[in-house]
Protein backbone atom coordinates (compact mmCIF):
# COMPACT_ATOMS: atom_id res chain seq x y z
CA MET A 1 2.41 2.27 6.73
CA SER A 2 -0.47 3.88 4.57
CA THR A 3 0.13 7.07 6.24
CA ALA A 4 3.65 7.26 5.31
CA VAL A 5 2.73 5.91 1.67
CA VAL A 6 0.42 9.14 1.66
CA ILE A 7 3.42 11.42 2.70
CA ILE A 8 6.38 9.53 0.64
CA VAL A 9 4.90 9.54 -2.65
CA PRO A 10 3.97 12.74 -3.13
CA TYR A 11 6.92 13.92 -1.60
CA ILE A 12 8.78 12.06 -4.18
CA LEU A 13 6.84 12.96 -7.33
CA ILE A 14 6.74 16.84 -6.08
CA LYS A 15 10.95 16.84 -5.98
CA LEU A 16 11.03 15.29 -9.57
CA PRO A 17 12.62 17.68 -11.84
CA VAL A 18 9.85 18.69 -14.45
CA ASP A 19 12.71 17.27 -17.35
CA TYR A 20 13.28 14.40 -15.52
CA PHE A 21 10.96 12.19 -18.15
CA THR A 22 12.70 13.92 -21.34
CA HIS A 23 16.11 12.00 -21.75
CA LYS A 24 16.58 8.37 -22.42
CA LYS A 25 19.15 7.86 -19.84
CA ASN A 26 19.14 9.14 -15.92
CA ILE A 27 22.07 9.61 -13.57
CA GLY A 28 21.51 10.24 -10.38
CA ILE A 29 23.20 12.05 -7.42
CA ILE A 30 24.25 8.94 -5.68
CA ASN A 31 26.01 7.71 -8.35
CA LYS A 32 28.77 10.31 -8.07
CA LEU A 33 29.23 10.04 -4.28
CA ASP A 34 32.20 7.88 -3.13
CA PHE A 35 32.37 4.31 -2.00
CA PRO A 36 30.69 3.11 0.58
CA TYR A 37 28.33 6.04 0.64
CA ASN A 38 26.93 4.95 -2.82
CA HIS A 39 26.26 1.65 -1.68
CA ILE A 40 24.62 2.21 1.61
CA LEU A 41 22.53 5.04 -0.20
CA THR A 42 21.31 2.51 -3.20
CA GLY A 43 20.58 -0.41 -0.87
CA LEU A 44 18.57 1.86 1.40
CA LYS A 45 16.48 3.87 -1.69
CA ASN A 46 16.29 0.02 -3.53
CA GLY A 47 14.63 -1.17 -0.39
CA ALA A 48 12.37 1.56 -0.05
CA GLY A 49 11.47 0.98 -3.60
CA ILE A 50 10.68 -2.60 -2.63
CA VAL A 51 8.31 -1.51 -0.11
CA LEU A 52 6.34 0.99 -2.13
CA VAL A 53 6.00 -1.68 -4.82
CA SER A 54 4.50 -4.13 -2.38
CA PHE A 55 2.23 -1.35 -0.70
CA GLY A 56 1.27 -0.33 -4.14
CA ILE A 57 -0.03 -3.83 -5.37
CA LEU A 58 -1.87 -4.27 -2.21
CA LEU A 59 -3.29 -0.99 -3.01
CA LEU A 60 -4.48 -2.16 -6.15
CA PHE A 61 -7.35 -4.21 -4.61
CA ILE A 62 -7.84 -1.46 -1.78
CA PRO A 63 -9.26 2.22 -2.22
CA GLY A 64 -5.99 4.02 -3.10
CA GLN A 65 -3.74 5.11 -5.62
CA GLY A 66 -1.76 1.65 -6.37
CA LEU A 67 -0.32 2.59 -9.71
CA VAL A 68 0.95 5.76 -8.73
CA THR A 69 2.67 4.04 -5.77
CA ILE A 70 4.30 1.00 -7.78
CA PHE A 71 5.48 3.77 -9.86
CA THR A 72 7.63 5.89 -7.55
CA GLY A 73 8.84 2.48 -5.74
CA ILE A 74 10.06 1.57 -9.14
CA MET A 75 11.67 5.06 -9.72
CA LEU A 76 13.51 4.44 -6.62
CA MET A 77 14.64 0.95 -7.62
CA ASN A 78 17.66 -0.24 -9.73
CA PHE A 79 17.44 -2.88 -12.40
CA PRO A 80 18.08 -3.23 -15.84
CA GLY A 81 15.27 -2.15 -18.12
CA LYS A 82 14.32 0.07 -15.39
CA ARG A 83 14.42 3.20 -17.61
CA LYS A 84 12.51 2.05 -20.14
CA LEU A 85 10.41 0.72 -17.85
CA GLU A 86 9.54 3.81 -16.24
CA LEU A 87 8.97 6.35 -19.48
CA TYR A 88 6.41 3.18 -20.60
CA ILE A 89 4.32 3.74 -17.39
CA VAL A 90 4.57 7.28 -17.34
CA GLY A 91 3.28 7.61 -20.82
CA LYS A 92 -0.02 6.31 -19.70
CA LYS A 93 -2.27 8.74 -19.51
CA PRO A 94 -4.04 7.97 -15.75
CA VAL A 95 -0.36 7.64 -14.35
CA LEU A 96 0.57 10.64 -16.00
CA LYS A 97 -2.53 12.98 -15.02
CA SER A 98 -2.07 11.53 -11.41
CA ILE A 99 1.57 12.87 -11.24
CA ASN A 100 0.61 16.12 -12.70
CA TRP A 101 -2.39 16.50 -10.21
CA ILE A 102 -0.03 15.54 -7.54
CA ARG A 103 2.54 18.22 -8.94
CA GLN A 104 0.09 21.01 -9.43
CA LYS A 105 -1.73 21.00 -5.87
CA ALA A 106 2.15 21.43 -4.65
CA GLY A 107 2.40 24.56 -6.95
CA LYS A 108 4.67 22.60 -9.41
CA GLU A 109 5.02 22.98 -12.98
CA LYS A 110 3.09 19.74 -14.78
CA ILE A 111 5.40 16.90 -16.42
CA SER A 112 4.16 17.05 -19.85
CA ASN A 113 7.46 16.06 -22.51
CA ILE A 114 8.21 12.37 -22.02
CA TYR A 115 10.89 10.84 -23.85
CA CYS A 116 9.80 8.50 -26.65
CA ASN A 117 11.80 5.99 -28.63
C-alpha cells in the first residue's frame, strides 16, 4: 500500500494545472460526463480519496508525508466545503513547499498563486 501512495500522490500533484488553486470554485471534468459515467467515476474517486486520507493519517505517526497524502485524498473527494478546506491547507507553507518540491522534481511549474478570500 505504501508503494502505491508513493506513486499515486506525486502523480496527482504533478498533473494538477498550475492555476488549480487560483479560483474560488473548481469544476472538474467528471461533472461534464453523461450519466452513469459521472456517478461511477465520482464513486471511484471518492473511494480513492478515503483510502488516501486514511493512509495519510497513519503516515502522521510513522515516517512519511502524511499531510501531503491527506491533502491529496481530500482533493479527490467530494463534500460540502471541500474547496475552502483545500485552499486553507495548501495555504500552509509546509504543504505548499512539499507540493512545489514534488512538482519541481518532475520539471513542472511551481504553484504560487493561491486564491485568498
